[in-house]
PDB file of N, CA and C in Angstrom:
ATOM      1  N   MET A   1      57.629  94.147 129.999  1.00  0.00           N
ATOM      2  CA  MET A   1      58.783  95.203 129.982  1.00  0.00           C
ATOM      3  C   MET A   1      60.116  94.429 129.559  1.00  0.00           C
ATOM      4  N   ALA A   2      60.936  95.204 129.142  1.00  0.00           N
ATOM      5  CA  ALA A   2      62.210  94.311 128.717  1.00  0.00           C
ATOM      6  C   ALA A   2      63.026  94.027 129.959  1.00  0.00           C
ATOM      7  N   LYS A   3      63.807  92.910 129.854  1.00  0.00           N
ATOM      8  CA  LYS A   3      64.652  92.432 130.941  1.00  0.00           C
ATOM      9  C   LYS A   3      65.626  93.686 131.068  1.00  0.00           C
ATOM     10  N   GLY A   4      65.770  93.728 132.514  1.00  0.00           N
ATOM     11  CA  GLY A   4      66.797  94.651 132.899  1.00  0.00           C
ATOM     12  C   GLY A   4      66.473  96.085 133.043  1.00  0.00           C
ATOM     13  N   PHE A   5      65.095  96.458 132.456  1.00  0.00           N
ATOM     14  CA  PHE A   5      64.845  97.716 132.164  1.00  0.00           C
ATOM     15  C   PHE A   5      64.982  98.457 133.499  1.00  0.00           C
ATOM     16  N   ASN A   6      64.551  97.999 134.754  1.00  0.00           N
ATOM     17  CA  ASN A   6      64.596  98.841 136.053  1.00  0.00           C
ATOM     18  C   ASN A   6      65.925  98.320 136.814  1.00  0.00           C
ATOM     19  N   ARG A   7      66.938  97.997 136.541  1.00  0.00           N
ATOM     20  CA  ARG A   7      67.807  97.791 137.094  1.00  0.00           C
ATOM     21  C   ARG A   7      68.582  98.901 137.517  1.00  0.00           C
ATOM     22  N   PRO A   8      69.156  98.919 138.760  1.00  0.00           N
ATOM     23  CA  PRO A   8      70.026  99.934 139.162  1.00  0.00           C
ATOM     24  C   PRO A   8      71.013 100.366 137.978  1.00  0.00           C
ATOM     25  N   ALA A   9      71.571 101.697 137.942  1.00  0.00           N
ATOM     26  CA  ALA A   9      72.285 102.051 136.895  1.00  0.00           C
ATOM     27  C   ALA A   9      73.795 101.498 137.047  1.00  0.00           C
ATOM     28  N   GLY A  10      74.588 101.138 136.389  1.00  0.00           N
ATOM     29  CA  GLY A  10      75.956 100.361 136.652  1.00  0.00           C
ATOM     30  C   GLY A  10      75.803  98.973 136.725  1.00  0.00           C
ATOM     31  N   MET A  11      74.669  98.462 136.866  1.00  0.00           N
ATOM     32  CA  MET A  11      74.576  96.943 137.001  1.00  0.00           C
ATOM     33  C   MET A  11      74.498  96.262 135.628  1.00  0.00           C
ATOM     34  N   ALA A  12      73.737  96.534 134.740  1.00  0.00           N
ATOM     35  CA  ALA A  12      73.659  96.268 133.690  1.00  0.00           C
ATOM     36  C   ALA A  12      74.940  96.412 132.668  1.00  0.00           C
ATOM     37  N   GLY A  13      75.566  95.484 131.993  1.00  0.00           N
ATOM     38  CA  GLY A  13      76.451  95.674 131.103  1.00  0.00           C
ATOM     39  C   GLY A  13      77.829  96.048 131.672  1.00  0.00           C
ATOM     40  N   GLY A  14      77.878  95.930 133.137  1.00  0.00           N
ATOM     41  CA  GLY A  14      79.410  96.126 133.898  1.00  0.00           C
ATOM     42  C   GLY A  14      80.286  95.061 133.158  1.00  0.00           C
ATOM     43  N   GLY A  15      80.025  93.976 132.847  1.00  0.00           N
ATOM     44  CA  GLY A  15      80.944  93.164 132.195  1.00  0.00           C
ATOM     45  C   GLY A  15      81.601  93.363 130.906  1.00  0.00           C
ATOM     46  N   MET A  16      80.324  93.846 130.252  1.00  0.00           N
ATOM     47  CA  MET A  16      80.772  94.372 128.775  1.00  0.00           C
ATOM     48  C   MET A  16      81.632  95.574 128.761  1.00  0.00           C
ATOM     49  N   MET A  17      81.431  96.541 129.582  1.00  0.00           N
ATOM     50  CA  MET A  17      82.171  97.645 129.721  1.00  0.00           C
ATOM     51  C   MET A  17      83.797  97.390 130.154  1.00  0.00           C
ATOM     52  N   GLN A  18      83.867  96.241 130.875  1.00  0.00           N
ATOM     53  CA  GLN A  18      85.271  95.998 131.210  1.00  0.00           C
ATOM     54  C   GLN A  18      85.893  95.275 130.008  1.00  0.00           C
ATOM     55  N   GLN A  19      85.216  94.519 129.370  1.00  0.00           N
ATOM     56  CA  GLN A  19      85.722  93.841 128.097  1.00  0.00           C
ATOM     57  C   GLN A  19      86.064  95.097 126.975  1.00  0.00           C
ATOM     58  N   ILE A  20      85.264  95.914 127.021  1.00  0.00           N
ATOM     59  CA  ILE A  20      85.505  97.165 126.105  1.00  0.00           C
ATOM     60  C   ILE A  20      86.684  97.777 126.448  1.00  0.00           C
ATOM     61  N   LYS A  21      86.975  98.044 127.695  1.00  0.00           N
ATOM     62  CA  LYS A  21      88.160  99.034 128.261  1.00  0.00           C
ATOM     63  C   LYS A  21      89.292  97.975 128.033  1.00  0.00           C
ATOM     64  N   LYS A  22      89.362  96.801 128.311  1.00  0.00           N
ATOM     65  CA  LYS A  22      90.275  95.844 128.013  1.00  0.00           C
ATOM     66  C   LYS A  22      90.732  95.922 126.562  1.00  0.00           C
ATOM     67  N   LEU A  23      89.783  95.663 125.690  1.00  0.00           N
ATOM     68  CA  LEU A  23      90.030  95.666 124.342  1.00  0.00           C
ATOM     69  C   LEU A  23      90.554  97.002 123.765  1.00  0.00           C
ATOM     70  N   GLN A  24      90.111  98.215 124.187  1.00  0.00           N
ATOM     71  CA  GLN A  24      90.704  99.421 124.021  1.00  0.00           C
ATOM     72  C   GLN A  24      92.157  99.669 124.359  1.00  0.00           C
ATOM     73  N   GLU A  25      92.552  98.789 125.440  1.00  0.00           N
ATOM     74  CA  GLU A  25      93.701  98.772 125.946  1.00  0.00           C
ATOM     75  C   GLU A  25      94.692  98.095 125.171  1.00  0.00           C
ATOM     76  N   GLN A  26      94.128  97.053 124.862  1.00  0.00           N
ATOM     77  CA  GLN A  26      94.896  96.071 123.803  1.00  0.00           C
ATOM     78  C   GLN A  26      95.191  96.880 122.528  1.00  0.00           C
ATOM     79  N   MET A  27      94.071  97.729 122.065  1.00  0.00           N
ATOM     80  CA  MET A  27      94.500  98.156 120.782  1.00  0.00           C
ATOM     81  C   MET A  27      95.403  99.464 120.756  1.00  0.00           C
ATOM     82  N   GLU A  28      95.175  99.954 121.869  1.00  0.00           N
ATOM     83  CA  GLU A  28      96.359 101.238 122.054  1.00  0.00           C
ATOM     84  C   GLU A  28      97.847 100.527 122.086  1.00  0.00           C
ATOM     85  N   ALA A  29      97.797  99.461 122.855  1.00  0.00           N
ATOM     86  CA  ALA A  29      99.149  98.902 123.079  1.00  0.00           C
ATOM     87  C   ALA A  29      99.735  98.373 121.437  1.00  0.00           C
ATOM     88  N   ALA A  30      98.931  97.785 120.883  1.00  0.00           N
ATOM     89  CA  ALA A  30      99.200  97.309 119.430  1.00  0.00           C
ATOM     90  C   ALA A  30      99.501  98.610 118.528  1.00  0.00           C
ATOM     91  N   GLN A  31      98.721  99.542 118.634  1.00  0.00           N
ATOM     92  CA  GLN A  31      99.012 100.799 117.840  1.00  0.00           C
ATOM     93  C   GLN A  31     100.495 101.367 118.162  1.00  0.00           C
ATOM     94  N   ALA A  32     100.863 101.405 119.481  1.00  0.00           N
ATOM     95  CA  ALA A  32     102.025 101.785 119.863  1.00  0.00           C
ATOM     96  C   ALA A  32     103.214 101.065 119.350  1.00  0.00           C
ATOM     97  N   GLN A  33     102.830  99.637 119.292  1.00  0.00           N
ATOM     98  CA  GLN A  33     103.998  98.690 118.798  1.00  0.00           C
ATOM     99  C   GLN A  33     104.173  98.947 117.237  1.00  0.00           C
ATOM    100  N   LEU A  34     103.007  99.186 116.659  1.00  0.00           N
ATOM    101  CA  LEU A  34     103.037  99.417 115.170  1.00  0.00           C
ATOM    102  C   LEU A  34     103.830 100.501 114.764  1.00  0.00           C
ATOM    103  N   ALA A  35     103.743 101.399 115.644  1.00  0.00           N
ATOM    104  CA  ALA A  35     104.525 102.862 115.544  1.00  0.00           C
ATOM    105  C   ALA A  35     106.014 102.746 115.609  1.00  0.00           C
ATOM    106  N   GLU A  36     106.429 101.463 116.233  1.00  0.00           N
ATOM    107  CA  GLU A  36     107.852 101.250 116.382  1.00  0.00           C
ATOM    108  C   GLU A  36     108.179 100.311 115.519  1.00  0.00           C
ATOM    109  N   GLN A  37     107.690  99.548 114.920  1.00  0.00           N
ATOM    110  CA  GLN A  37     107.991  98.552 114.088  1.00  0.00           C
ATOM    111  C   GLN A  37     108.113  99.167 112.524  1.00  0.00           C
ATOM    112  N   THR A  38     109.010  98.401 111.841  1.00  0.00           N
ATOM    113  CA  THR A  38     109.282  99.164 110.596  1.00  0.00           C
ATOM    114  C   THR A  38     109.335  98.089 109.446  1.00  0.00           C
ATOM    115  N   THR A  39     109.339  98.223 108.196  1.00  0.00           N
ATOM    116  CA  THR A  39     109.366  97.426 107.193  1.00  0.00           C
ATOM    117  C   THR A  39     110.089  98.165 106.053  1.00  0.00           C
ATOM    118  N   ILE A  40     110.845  97.476 105.480  1.00  0.00           N
ATOM    119  CA  ILE A  40     111.850  98.138 104.480  1.00  0.00           C
ATOM    120  C   ILE A  40     111.445  97.509 103.069  1.00  0.00           C
ATOM    121  N   ALA A  41     111.016  98.349 102.139  1.00  0.00           N
ATOM    122  CA  ALA A  41     110.730  97.869 100.719  1.00  0.00           C
ATOM    123  C   ALA A  41     111.921  98.360  99.791  1.00  0.00           C
ATOM    124  N   SER A  42     112.382  97.143  98.994  1.00  0.00           N
ATOM    125  CA  SER A  42     113.495  97.662  98.249  1.00  0.00           C
ATOM    126  C   SER A  42     113.166  97.462  96.865  1.00  0.00           C
ATOM    127  N   VAL A  43     113.351  98.184  95.877  1.00  0.00           N
ATOM    128  CA  VAL A  43     113.081  98.201  94.425  1.00  0.00           C
ATOM    129  C   VAL A  43     114.292  98.495  93.590  1.00  0.00           C
ATOM    130  N   GLY A  44     114.339  97.997  92.320  1.00  0.00           N
ATOM    131  CA  GLY A  44     115.412  98.320  91.339  1.00  0.00           C
ATOM    132  C   GLY A  44     116.489  97.578  91.778  1.00  0.00           C
ATOM    133  N   GLY A  45     116.583  96.348  92.352  1.00  0.00           N
ATOM    134  CA  GLY A  45     117.705  95.638  92.874  1.00  0.00           C
ATOM    135  C   GLY A  45     118.392  96.250  94.086  1.00  0.00           C
ATOM    136  N   GLY A  46     117.757  97.066  94.835  1.00  0.00           N
ATOM    137  CA  GLY A  46     118.192  97.811  96.136  1.00  0.00           C
ATOM    138  C   GLY A  46     118.545  99.097  95.646  1.00  0.00           C
ATOM    139  N   ALA A  47     118.405  99.596  94.618  1.00  0.00           N
ATOM    140  CA  ALA A  47     118.489 101.080  94.214  1.00  0.00           C
ATOM    141  C   ALA A  47     117.722 102.037  94.826  1.00  0.00           C
ATOM    142  N   VAL A  48     116.488 101.869  95.468  1.00  0.00           N
ATOM    143  CA  VAL A  48     115.650 102.597  96.130  1.00  0.00           C
ATOM    144  C   VAL A  48     115.146 101.632  97.075  1.00  0.00           C
ATOM    145  N   LYS A  49     115.288 102.357  98.312  1.00  0.00           N
ATOM    146  CA  LYS A  49     114.730 101.437  99.815  1.00  0.00           C
ATOM    147  C   LYS A  49     113.976 102.624 100.436  1.00  0.00           C
ATOM    148  N   VAL A  50     112.652 102.327 100.817  1.00  0.00           N
ATOM    149  CA  VAL A  50     111.927 103.121 101.752  1.00  0.00           C
ATOM    150  C   VAL A  50     111.694 102.378 102.934  1.00  0.00           C
ATOM    151  N   THR A  51     111.739 103.060 104.234  1.00  0.00           N
ATOM    152  CA  THR A  51     111.404 102.371 105.486  1.00  0.00           C
ATOM    153  C   THR A  51     110.060 103.039 105.857  1.00  0.00           C
ATOM    154  N   MET A  52     109.252 102.201 106.403  1.00  0.00           N
ATOM    155  CA  MET A  52     108.011 102.612 106.737  1.00  0.00           C
ATOM    156  C   MET A  52     107.584 101.947 108.020  1.00  0.00           C
ATOM    157  N   THR A  53     106.866 102.803 108.967  1.00  0.00           N
ATOM    158  CA  THR A  53     106.439 102.122 110.212  1.00  0.00           C
ATOM    159  C   THR A  53     105.070 101.321 110.010  1.00  0.00           C
ATOM    160  N   GLY A  54     104.862 100.564 110.883  1.00  0.00           N
ATOM    161  CA  GLY A  54     103.523  99.713 110.801  1.00  0.00           C
ATOM    162  C   GLY A  54     102.334 100.639 110.990  1.00  0.00           C
ATOM    163  N   ASN A  55     102.491 102.247 111.131  1.00  0.00           N
ATOM    164  CA  ASN A  55     101.362 102.907 111.172  1.00  0.00           C
ATOM    165  C   ASN A  55     101.331 103.864 110.287  1.00  0.00           C
ATOM    166  N   GLN A  56     102.053 103.378 109.300  1.00  0.00           N
ATOM    167  CA  GLN A  56     102.098 104.123 107.777  1.00  0.00           C
ATOM    168  C   GLN A  56     102.736 105.591 107.733  1.00  0.00           C
ATOM    169  N   VAL A  57     103.865 105.596 108.513  1.00  0.00           N
ATOM    170  CA  VAL A  57     104.633 106.993 108.695  1.00  0.00           C
ATOM    171  C   VAL A  57     106.039 106.427 107.794  1.00  0.00           C
ATOM    172  N   CYS A  58     106.288 107.401 106.749  1.00  0.00           N
ATOM    173  CA  CYS A  58     107.816 107.006 106.072  1.00  0.00           C
ATOM    174  C   CYS A  58     108.682 107.518 107.032  1.00  0.00           C
ATOM    175  N   ARG A  59     109.688 106.541 107.384  1.00  0.00           N
ATOM    176  CA  ARG A  59     110.892 107.091 108.263  1.00  0.00           C
ATOM    177  C   ARG A  59     112.184 107.464 107.224  1.00  0.00           C
ATOM    178  N   SER A  60     112.231 106.811 106.317  1.00  0.00           N
ATOM    179  CA  SER A  60     113.310 107.104 105.163  1.00  0.00           C
ATOM    180  C   SER A  60     113.142 106.702 103.918  1.00  0.00           C
ATOM    181  N   VAL A  61     113.875 107.262 102.992  1.00  0.00           N
ATOM    182  CA  VAL A  61     113.974 107.020 101.559  1.00  0.00           C
ATOM    183  C   VAL A  61     115.495 107.112 101.253  1.00  0.00           C
ATOM    184  N   GLU A  62     115.927 105.927 100.830  1.00  0.00           N
ATOM    185  CA  GLU A  62     117.610 105.910 100.576  1.00  0.00           C
ATOM    186  C   GLU A  62     117.546 105.612  98.796  1.00  0.00           C
ATOM    187  N   ILE A  63     118.351 106.316  98.265  1.00  0.00           N
ATOM    188  CA  ILE A  63     118.551 106.174  96.885  1.00  0.00           C
ATOM    189  C   ILE A  63     120.165 106.042  96.889  1.00  0.00           C
ATOM    190  N   ASN A  64     120.467 104.802  96.054  1.00  0.00           N
ATOM    191  CA  ASN A  64     121.788 104.425  95.591  1.00  0.00           C
ATOM    192  C   ASN A  64     122.497 105.592  94.906  1.00  0.00           C
ATOM    193  N   PRO A  65     123.430 106.269  95.438  1.00  0.00           N
ATOM    194  CA  PRO A  65     124.073 107.179  94.622  1.00  0.00           C
ATOM    195  C   PRO A  65     124.447 106.861  92.958  1.00  0.00           C
ATOM    196  N   ASP A  66     124.796 105.723  92.890  1.00  0.00           N
ATOM    197  CA  ASP A  66     125.203 105.263  91.671  1.00  0.00           C
ATOM    198  C   ASP A  66     123.932 105.044  90.477  1.00  0.00           C
ATOM    199  N   LEU A  67     122.952 105.224  91.161  1.00  0.00           N
ATOM    200  CA  LEU A  67     121.432 105.406  90.503  1.00  0.00           C
ATOM    201  C   LEU A  67     121.466 106.602  89.780  1.00  0.00           C
ATOM    202  N   LEU A  68     121.935 107.646  90.590  1.00  0.00           N
ATOM    203  CA  LEU A  68     121.760 109.260  90.105  1.00  0.00           C
ATOM    204  C   LEU A  68     122.698 109.407  89.086  1.00  0.00           C
ATOM    205  N   LYS A  69     123.774 108.572  88.977  1.00  0.00           N
ATOM    206  CA  LYS A  69     124.660 109.025  87.941  1.00  0.00           C
ATOM    207  C   LYS A  69     123.997 108.412  86.299  1.00  0.00           C
ATOM    208  N   GLU A  70     123.275 107.312  86.574  1.00  0.00           N
ATOM    209  CA  GLU A  70     122.873 106.554  85.543  1.00  0.00           C
ATOM    210  C   GLU A  70     121.294 107.066  85.075  1.00  0.00           C
ATOM    211  N   ALA A  71     120.565 107.290  85.966  1.00  0.00           N
ATOM    212  CA  ALA A  71     119.055 107.470  85.924  1.00  0.00           C
ATOM    213  C   ALA A  71     118.523 108.705  85.333  1.00  0.00           C
ATOM    214  N   ASP A  72     117.579 108.620  84.771  1.00  0.00           N
ATOM    215  CA  ASP A  72     116.795 110.003  84.184  1.00  0.00           C
ATOM    216  C   ASP A  72     115.835 110.214  85.267  1.00  0.00           C
ATOM    217  N   ALA A  73     115.227 111.426  85.355  1.00  0.00           N
ATOM    218  CA  ALA A  73     114.350 111.837  86.395  1.00  0.00           C
ATOM    219  C   ALA A  73     113.053 110.703  86.458  1.00  0.00           C
ATOM    220  N   ASP A  74     112.474 110.501  85.119  1.00  0.00           N
ATOM    221  CA  ASP A  74     111.295 109.624  84.961  1.00  0.00           C
ATOM    222  C   ASP A  74     111.437 108.232  85.777  1.00  0.00           C
ATOM    223  N   MET A  75     112.635 107.536  85.563  1.00  0.00           N
ATOM    224  CA  MET A  75     112.977 106.369  86.003  1.00  0.00           C
ATOM    225  C   MET A  75     113.053 106.249  87.685  1.00  0.00           C
ATOM    226  N   LEU A  76     113.826 107.520  87.934  1.00  0.00           N
ATOM    227  CA  LEU A  76     113.894 107.643  89.509  1.00  0.00           C
ATOM    228  C   LEU A  76     112.738 107.838  90.196  1.00  0.00           C
ATOM    229  N   GLN A  77     111.585 108.531  89.530  1.00  0.00           N
ATOM    230  CA  GLN A  77     110.455 108.708  89.971  1.00  0.00           C
ATOM    231  C   GLN A  77     109.589 107.665  90.292  1.00  0.00           C
ATOM    232  N   ASP A  78     109.616 106.871  89.049  1.00  0.00           N
ATOM    233  CA  ASP A  78     108.923 105.558  89.059  1.00  0.00           C
ATOM    234  C   ASP A  78     109.624 104.606  90.126  1.00  0.00           C
ATOM    235  N   LEU A  79     110.790 104.493  90.344  1.00  0.00           N
ATOM    236  CA  LEU A  79     111.499 103.709  91.298  1.00  0.00           C
ATOM    237  C   LEU A  79     110.926 104.126  92.908  1.00  0.00           C
ATOM    238  N   VAL A  80     110.877 105.412  93.177  1.00  0.00           N
ATOM    239  CA  VAL A  80     110.600 106.036  94.294  1.00  0.00           C
ATOM    240  C   VAL A  80     109.100 105.628  94.613  1.00  0.00           C
ATOM    241  N   LEU A  81     108.330 105.960  93.481  1.00  0.00           N
ATOM    242  CA  LEU A  81     106.721 105.621  93.710  1.00  0.00           C
ATOM    243  C   LEU A  81     106.579 104.139  94.030  1.00  0.00           C
ATOM    244  N   SER A  82     107.371 103.295  93.340  1.00  0.00           N
ATOM    245  CA  SER A  82     107.183 101.772  93.506  1.00  0.00           C
ATOM    246  C   SER A  82     107.551 101.238  94.824  1.00  0.00           C
ATOM    247  N   ALA A  83     108.492 101.930  95.438  1.00  0.00           N
ATOM    248  CA  ALA A  83     109.009 101.628  96.748  1.00  0.00           C
ATOM    249  C   ALA A  83     108.152 102.107  97.884  1.00  0.00           C
ATOM    250  N   VAL A  84     107.629 103.342  97.596  1.00  0.00           N
ATOM    251  CA  VAL A  84     106.543 103.910  98.482  1.00  0.00           C
ATOM    252  C   VAL A  84     105.452 102.967  98.644  1.00  0.00           C
ATOM    253  N   ASN A  85     104.848 102.726  97.479  1.00  0.00           N
ATOM    254  CA  ASN A  85     103.664 101.807  97.423  1.00  0.00           C
ATOM    255  C   ASN A  85     103.878 100.459  97.996  1.00  0.00           C
ATOM    256  N   LEU A  86     105.052  99.699  97.882  1.00  0.00           N
ATOM    257  CA  LEU A  86     105.511  98.499  98.303  1.00  0.00           C
ATOM    258  C   LEU A  86     105.283  98.651  99.718  1.00  0.00           C
ATOM    259  N   ALA A  87     106.073  99.665 100.290  1.00  0.00           N
ATOM    260  CA  ALA A  87     106.365  99.777 101.761  1.00  0.00           C
ATOM    261  C   ALA A  87     104.827 100.074 102.462  1.00  0.00           C
ATOM    262  N   LEU A  88     104.079 100.904 101.771  1.00  0.00           N
ATOM    263  CA  LEU A  88     102.671 101.078 102.327  1.00  0.00           C
ATOM    264  C   LEU A  88     101.965  99.769 102.458  1.00  0.00           C
ATOM    265  N   GLU A  89     101.875  98.816 101.244  1.00  0.00           N
ATOM    266  CA  GLU A  89     101.153  97.697 101.225  1.00  0.00           C
ATOM    267  C   GLU A  89     101.775  96.768 102.469  1.00  0.00           C
ATOM    268  N   GLN A  90     103.188  96.818 102.299  1.00  0.00           N
ATOM    269  CA  GLN A  90     103.703  95.845 103.493  1.00  0.00           C
ATOM    270  C   GLN A  90     103.361  96.361 104.933  1.00  0.00           C
ATOM    271  N   SER A  91     103.234  97.607 105.332  1.00  0.00           N
ATOM    272  CA  SER A  91     102.945  98.348 106.335  1.00  0.00           C
ATOM    273  C   SER A  91     101.409  97.936 106.728  1.00  0.00           C
ATOM    274  N   ARG A  92     100.689  97.989 105.665  1.00  0.00           N
ATOM    275  CA  ARG A  92      99.187  97.658 105.951  1.00  0.00           C
ATOM    276  C   ARG A  92      98.935  96.325 106.431  1.00  0.00           C
ATOM    277  N   GLN A  93      99.785  95.370 105.840  1.00  0.00           N
ATOM    278  CA  GLN A  93      99.448  94.036 106.032  1.00  0.00           C
ATOM    279  C   GLN A  93     100.131  93.725 107.482  1.00  0.00           C
ATOM    280  N   MET A  94     101.274  94.477 108.027  1.00  0.00           N
ATOM    281  CA  MET A  94     101.657  94.483 109.400  1.00  0.00           C
ATOM    282  C   MET A  94     100.565  94.835 110.276  1.00  0.00           C
ATOM    283  N   ALA A  95     100.010  95.964 109.977  1.00  0.00           N
ATOM    284  CA  ALA A  95      99.025  96.583 110.716  1.00  0.00           C
ATOM    285  C   ALA A  95      97.514  95.398 110.782  1.00  0.00           C
ATOM    286  N   ALA A  96      97.192  94.745 109.706  1.00  0.00           N
ATOM    287  CA  ALA A  96      96.303  93.961 109.770  1.00  0.00           C
ATOM    288  C   ALA A  96      96.668  92.783 110.537  1.00  0.00           C
ATOM    289  N   GLU A  97      97.643  92.248 110.508  1.00  0.00           N
ATOM    290  CA  GLU A  97      98.084  90.921 111.448  1.00  0.00           C
ATOM    291  C   GLU A  97      98.055  91.299 112.758  1.00  0.00           C
ATOM    292  N   LYS A  98      98.513  92.683 113.029  1.00  0.00           N
ATOM    293  CA  LYS A  98      98.676  92.907 114.345  1.00  0.00           C
ATOM    294  C   LYS A  98      97.133  93.445 114.988  1.00  0.00           C
ATOM    295  N   MET A  99      96.348  94.206 114.383  1.00  0.00           N
ATOM    296  CA  MET A  99      95.103  94.482 114.682  1.00  0.00           C
ATOM    297  C   MET A  99      93.961  93.361 114.352  1.00  0.00           C
ATOM    298  N   GLY A 100      93.963  92.717 113.503  1.00  0.00           N
ATOM    299  CA  GLY A 100      92.900  91.803 113.190  1.00  0.00           C
ATOM    300  C   GLY A 100      92.446  90.781 114.289  1.00  0.00           C
ATOM    301  N   PRO A 101      93.272  90.186 114.902  1.00  0.00           N
ATOM    302  CA  PRO A 101      92.596  89.628 116.245  1.00  0.00           C
ATOM    303  C   PRO A 101      91.891  90.531 117.222  1.00  0.00           C
ATOM    304  N   LEU A 102      92.248  91.759 117.265  1.00  0.00           N
ATOM    305  CA  LEU A 102      91.558  92.439 118.150  1.00  0.00           C
ATOM    306  C   LEU A 102      90.262  92.924 117.753  1.00  0.00           C
ATOM    307  N   ALA A 103      90.282  93.194 116.253  1.00  0.00           N
ATOM    308  CA  ALA A 103      89.073  93.385 115.844  1.00  0.00           C
ATOM    309  C   ALA A 103      87.986  92.339 115.670  1.00  0.00           C
ATOM    310  N   GLY A 104      88.565  91.180 115.715  1.00  0.00           N
ATOM    311  CA  GLY A 104      87.551  89.768 115.859  1.00  0.00           C
ATOM    312  C   GLY A 104      87.343  89.866 117.249  1.00  0.00           C
ATOM    313  N   GLY A 105      87.926  90.563 118.146  1.00  0.00           N
ATOM    314  CA  GLY A 105      87.193  90.657 119.740  1.00  0.00           C
ATOM    315  C   GLY A 105      86.054  91.369 119.915  1.00  0.00           C
ATOM    316  N   MET A 106      85.937  92.487 118.954  1.00  0.00           N
ATOM    317  CA  MET A 106      84.700  93.314 119.000  1.00  0.00           C
ATOM    318  C   MET A 106      83.446  92.556 118.649  1.00  0.00           C
ATOM    319  N   SER A 107      83.558  91.466 117.841  1.00  0.00           N
ATOM    320  CA  SER A 107      82.354  90.889 117.240  1.00  0.00           C
ATOM    321  C   SER A 107      81.760  90.028 118.683  1.00  0.00           C
ATOM    322  N   GLY A 108      82.592  89.550 119.409  1.00  0.00           N
ATOM    323  CA  GLY A 108      82.166  89.043 120.701  1.00  0.00           C
ATOM    324  C   GLY A 108      81.218  89.983 121.595  1.00  0.00           C
ATOM    325  N   LEU A 109      81.541  91.207 121.294  1.00  0.00           N
ATOM    326  CA  LEU A 109      80.942  92.241 122.145  1.00  0.00           C
ATOM    327  C   LEU A 109      79.531  93.043 121.632  1.00  0.00           C
ATOM    328  N   GLY A 110      79.418  92.299 120.485  1.00  0.00           N
ATOM    329  CA  GLY A 110      78.121  92.734 119.812  1.00  0.00           C
ATOM    330  C   GLY A 110      78.259  93.859 118.764  1.00  0.00           C
ATOM    331  N   PHE A 111      79.510  93.958 118.350  1.00  0.00           N
ATOM    332  CA  PHE A 111      79.686  95.052 117.416  1.00  0.00           C
ATOM    333  C   PHE A 111      80.066  94.336 116.035  1.00  0.00           C
TER     334      PHE A 111
END
């Protein structure tokens, strides 16, 4: 028979369940922190700025009014697209730095 097969319920893996619960709490706390942290991506010499949270929520898009006087629609669209993509990249990097160590903790639990 396999080891621990006839152990009373709740005895086997109790330590692992505590570790999983602790890891889950740490991940939830990290996600809450990421929701509050922001990154700002700026393109076109500051003509367009995008503020993004660590959990990939766009908080704001700022366009320098001087750009609107000179820019054509295509250029403005390209700048906004570039700023959003850069902000997303920075946000994902922020999340990876925050969540990476916690994901590493899962490997110690057999995941």
